[in-house]
Amino acid sequence: MDIQELMKLMNSDPSQEERMKMLAQMMAQQRDATQQEQTADRHTPEDYEKLRQQVQQLSGYTKRLRQANKVLMENIDILISRNDQLADALGACRDCFGEDPHCKTCRGLGKPGYFEVDPRLFAIYVQPCLAKEENY
């Protein structure tokens, strides 16, 4: 009995409809499983070799991406540290420099000069700029 015949039976006898639907689904699943098995048997050794090479290439690509990500994360850490030092030198909020009214640290009030200035960092970052300005 094929699916077409089952469909005719379902339409002719409403009391059998649910059973027939289940039977039709089971038959369709069996047909799909058989087709998948037949497809799986068609792979050649060359197909497997190509897949192995692709996996090897992707593995190398993944390794390079991880290395690049590590370098980027190190650079981000350096930039965060520099940002924090500059904010401390200016007495500004480390998170937003006073530009974000929703900032959890300063609520947008932490513009330069709002917090206590770090004198050592001020001497490193700001004093050279001020000295240069005086010479102009």
C-alpha atoms as a PDB file:
ATOM      1  CA  MET A   1       0.000   0.000   0.000  1.00  0.00           C
ATOM      2  CA  ASP A   2       1.476   3.358  -0.962  1.00  0.00           C
ATOM      3  CA  ILE A   3       0.802   6.806   0.441  1.00  0.00           C
ATOM      4  CA  GLN A   4      -1.764   7.646  -2.237  1.00  0.00           C
ATOM      5  CA  GLU A   5      -3.897   4.643  -1.258  1.00  0.00           C
ATOM      6  CA  LEU A   6      -3.601   5.564   2.417  1.00  0.00           C
ATOM      7  CA  MET A   7      -4.796   9.076   1.641  1.00  0.00           C
ATOM      8  CA  LYS A   8      -7.857   7.687  -0.151  1.00  0.00           C
ATOM      9  CA  LEU A   9      -8.650   5.506   2.856  1.00  0.00           C
ATOM     10  CA  MET A  10      -8.283   8.450   5.219  1.00  0.00           C
ATOM     11  CA  ASN A  11     -10.777  10.487   3.225  1.00  0.00           C
ATOM     12  CA  SER A  12     -13.286   7.658   2.956  1.00  0.00           C
ATOM     13  CA  ASP A  13     -13.440   6.590   6.614  1.00  0.00           C
ATOM     14  CA  PRO A  14     -13.191   9.435   9.164  1.00  0.00           C
ATOM     15  CA  SER A  15     -12.985   7.006  12.105  1.00  0.00           C
ATOM     16  CA  GLN A  16      -9.709   5.618  10.745  1.00  0.00           C
ATOM     17  CA  GLU A  17      -8.240   9.020   9.946  1.00  0.00           C
ATOM     18  CA  GLU A  18      -5.910   9.314  12.949  1.00  0.00           C
ATOM     19  CA  ARG A  19      -4.525   5.788  12.588  1.00  0.00           C
ATOM     20  CA  MET A  20      -3.990   6.307   8.912  1.00  0.00           C
ATOM     21  CA  LYS A  21      -2.125   9.569   9.492  1.00  0.00           C
ATOM     22  CA  MET A  22       0.185   7.817  11.929  1.00  0.00           C
ATOM     23  CA  LEU A  23       0.731   4.945   9.512  1.00  0.00           C
ATOM     24  CA  ALA A  24       1.457   7.339   6.650  1.00  0.00           C
ATOM     25  CA  GLN A  25       3.988   9.198   8.811  1.00  0.00           C
ATOM     26  CA  MET A  26       5.700   5.955   9.777  1.00  0.00           C
ATOM     27  CA  MET A  27       5.931   4.871   6.144  1.00  0.00           C
ATOM     28  CA  ALA A  28       7.338   8.252   5.120  1.00  0.00           C
ATOM     29  CA  GLN A  29       9.953   8.056   7.888  1.00  0.00           C
ATOM     30  CA  GLN A  30      10.957   4.561   6.779  1.00  0.00           C
ATOM     31  CA  ARG A  31      11.251   5.741   3.168  1.00  0.00           C
ATOM     32  CA  ASP A  32      13.398   8.709   4.227  1.00  0.00           C
ATOM     33  CA  ALA A  33      15.649   6.476   6.349  1.00  0.00           C
ATOM     34  CA  THR A  34      16.118   4.065   3.429  1.00  0.00           C
ATOM     35  CA  GLN A  35      17.010   6.938   1.097  1.00  0.00           C
ATOM     36  CA  GLN A  36      19.541   8.284   3.617  1.00  0.00           C
ATOM     37  CA  GLU A  37      21.162   4.861   3.945  1.00  0.00           C
ATOM     38  CA  GLN A  38      21.417   4.549   0.161  1.00  0.00           C
ATOM     39  CA  THR A  39      22.949   8.011  -0.094  1.00  0.00           C
ATOM     40  CA  ALA A  40      25.456   7.248   2.656  1.00  0.00           C
ATOM     41  CA  ASP A  41      26.651   4.149   0.786  1.00  0.00           C
ATOM     42  CA  ARG A  42      27.564   6.246  -2.276  1.00  0.00           C
ATOM     43  CA  HIS A  43      30.608   7.955  -0.683  1.00  0.00           C
ATOM     44  CA  THR A  44      33.931   6.992  -2.212  1.00  0.00           C
ATOM     45  CA  PRO A  45      37.365   6.941  -0.595  1.00  0.00           C
ATOM     46  CA  GLU A  46      38.112  10.123  -2.563  1.00  0.00           C
ATOM     47  CA  ASP A  47      35.146  11.800  -0.889  1.00  0.00           C
ATOM     48  CA  TYR A  48      36.527  10.896   2.525  1.00  0.00           C
ATOM     49  CA  GLU A  49      39.994  12.138   1.551  1.00  0.00           C
ATOM     50  CA  LYS A  50      38.521  15.474   0.428  1.00  0.00           C
ATOM     51  CA  LEU A  51      36.649  15.764   3.728  1.00  0.00           C
ATOM     52  CA  ARG A  52      39.822  14.952   5.676  1.00  0.00           C
ATOM     53  CA  GLN A  53      41.693  17.680   3.794  1.00  0.00           C
ATOM     54  CA  GLN A  54      38.900  20.182   4.440  1.00  0.00           C
ATOM     55  CA  VAL A  55      38.926  19.350   8.150  1.00  0.00           C
ATOM     56  CA  GLN A  56      42.702  19.799   8.201  1.00  0.00           C
ATOM     57  CA  GLN A  57      42.410  23.180   6.451  1.00  0.00           C
ATOM     58  CA  LEU A  58      39.682  24.309   8.837  1.00  0.00           C
ATOM     59  CA  SER A  59      41.757  23.182  11.794  1.00  0.00           C
ATOM     60  CA  GLY A  60      44.644  25.362  10.600  1.00  0.00           C
ATOM     61  CA  TYR A  61      42.285  28.261   9.994  1.00  0.00           C
ATOM     62  CA  THR A  62      40.838  27.876  13.498  1.00  0.00           C
ATOM     63  CA  LYS A  63      44.341  27.854  15.001  1.00  0.00           C
ATOM     64  CA  ARG A  64      45.215  31.094  13.170  1.00  0.00           C
ATOM     65  CA  LEU A  65      41.955  32.699  14.314  1.00  0.00           C
ATOM     66  CA  ARG A  66      42.692  31.762  17.924  1.00  0.00           C
ATOM     67  CA  GLN A  67      46.161  33.276  17.652  1.00  0.00           C
ATOM     68  CA  ALA A  68      44.770  36.472  16.124  1.00  0.00           C
ATOM     69  CA  ASN A  69      42.106  36.630  18.830  1.00  0.00           C
ATOM     70  CA  LYS A  70      44.786  36.301  21.522  1.00  0.00           C
ATOM     71  CA  VAL A  71      46.735  39.226  20.029  1.00  0.00           C
ATOM     72  CA  LEU A  72      43.568  41.327  19.793  1.00  0.00           C
ATOM     73  CA  MET A  73      42.637  40.593  23.398  1.00  0.00           C
ATOM     74  CA  GLU A  74      46.146  41.566  24.536  1.00  0.00           C
ATOM     75  CA  ASN A  75      45.852  44.824  22.590  1.00  0.00           C
ATOM     76  CA  ILE A  76      42.457  45.527  24.136  1.00  0.00           C
ATOM     77  CA  ASP A  77      43.922  44.999  27.607  1.00  0.00           C
ATOM     78  CA  ILE A  78      46.717  47.475  26.809  1.00  0.00           C
ATOM     79  CA  LEU A  79      44.240  50.059  25.510  1.00  0.00           C
ATOM     80  CA  ILE A  80      41.990  49.667  28.547  1.00  0.00           C
ATOM     81  CA  SER A  81      44.985  50.214  30.796  1.00  0.00           C
ATOM     82  CA  ARG A  82      46.012  53.347  28.871  1.00  0.00           C
ATOM     83  CA  ASN A  83      42.454  54.661  28.962  1.00  0.00           C
ATOM     84  CA  ASP A  84      42.314  54.141  32.726  1.00  0.00           C
ATOM     85  CA  GLN A  85      45.661  55.896  33.211  1.00  0.00           C
ATOM     86  CA  LEU A  86      44.583  58.870  31.112  1.00  0.00           C
ATOM     87  CA  ALA A  87      41.265  59.098  32.961  1.00  0.00           C
ATOM     88  CA  ASP A  88      43.130  59.046  36.287  1.00  0.00           C
ATOM     89  CA  ALA A  89      45.567  61.696  35.032  1.00  0.00           C
ATOM     90  CA  LEU A  90      42.624  63.934  34.132  1.00  0.00           C
ATOM     91  CA  GLY A  91      40.449  63.093  37.118  1.00  0.00           C
ATOM     92  CA  ALA A  92      37.788  61.704  34.768  1.00  0.00           C
ATOM     93  CA  CYS A  93      35.516  58.683  34.902  1.00  0.00           C
ATOM     94  CA  ARG A  94      37.345  55.616  33.618  1.00  0.00           C
ATOM     95  CA  ASP A  95      34.162  54.231  32.062  1.00  0.00           C
ATOM     96  CA  CYS A  96      32.754  57.177  30.121  1.00  0.00           C
ATOM     97  CA  PHE A  97      34.820  60.354  30.700  1.00  0.00           C
ATOM     98  CA  GLY A  98      31.562  61.945  31.845  1.00  0.00           C
ATOM     99  CA  GLU A  99      29.754  61.411  28.545  1.00  0.00           C
ATOM    100  CA  ASP A 100      27.178  58.793  29.586  1.00  0.00           C
ATOM    101  CA  PRO A 101      24.301  59.897  31.827  1.00  0.00           C
ATOM    102  CA  HIS A 102      23.528  56.213  32.462  1.00  0.00           C
ATOM    103  CA  CYS A 103      27.085  55.367  33.588  1.00  0.00           C
ATOM    104  CA  LYS A 104      27.006  53.283  36.768  1.00  0.00           C
ATOM    105  CA  THR A 105      30.228  54.894  37.992  1.00  0.00           C
ATOM    106  CA  CYS A 106      29.503  58.620  37.586  1.00  0.00           C
ATOM    107  CA  ARG A 107      25.990  59.024  36.091  1.00  0.00           C
ATOM    108  CA  GLY A 108      27.535  61.281  33.432  1.00  0.00           C
ATOM    109  CA  LEU A 109      29.181  63.649  35.883  1.00  0.00           C
ATOM    110  CA  GLY A 110      32.730  62.289  35.558  1.00  0.00           C
ATOM    111  CA  LYS A 111      34.152  64.804  33.109  1.00  0.00           C
ATOM    112  CA  PRO A 112      37.871  65.651  33.504  1.00  0.00           C
ATOM    113  CA  GLY A 113      38.436  67.253  36.903  1.00  0.00           C
ATOM    114  CA  TYR A 114      35.432  65.641  38.576  1.00  0.00           C
ATOM    115  CA  PHE A 115      37.465  62.982  40.400  1.00  0.00           C
ATOM    116  CA  GLU A 116      40.765  63.452  42.200  1.00  0.00           C
ATOM    117  CA  VAL A 117      43.648  63.757  39.746  1.00  0.00           C
ATOM    118  CA  ASP A 118      46.509  61.253  40.020  1.00  0.00           C
ATOM    119  CA  PRO A 119      49.558  63.586  40.330  1.00  0.00           C
ATOM    120  CA  ARG A 120      52.061  61.041  38.975  1.00  0.00           C
ATOM    121  CA  LEU A 121      49.960  60.317  35.869  1.00  0.00           C
ATOM    122  CA  PHE A 122      49.164  64.025  35.487  1.00  0.00           C
ATOM    123  CA  ALA A 123      52.921  64.694  35.356  1.00  0.00           C
ATOM    124  CA  ILE A 124      53.385  61.974  32.719  1.00  0.00           C
ATOM    125  CA  TYR A 125      50.459  62.785  30.398  1.00  0.00           C
ATOM    126  CA  VAL A 126      49.298  66.348  30.992  1.00  0.00           C
ATOM    127  CA  GLN A 127      52.336  68.382  32.127  1.00  0.00           C
ATOM    128  CA  PRO A 128      54.235  67.866  28.838  1.00  0.00           C
ATOM    129  CA  CYS A 129      51.234  69.210  26.911  1.00  0.00           C
ATOM    130  CA  LEU A 130      50.933  72.246  29.149  1.00  0.00           C
ATOM    131  CA  ALA A 131      54.677  72.968  28.905  1.00  0.00           C
ATOM    132  CA  LYS A 132      54.526  72.772  25.138  1.00  0.00           C
ATOM    133  CA  GLU A 133      51.537  75.150  25.035  1.00  0.00           C
ATOM    134  CA  GLU A 134      53.434  77.718  27.105  1.00  0.00           C
ATOM    135  CA  ASN A 135      56.214  77.766  24.499  1.00  0.00           C
ATOM    136  CA  TYR A 136      53.842  78.803  21.704  1.00  0.00           C
END
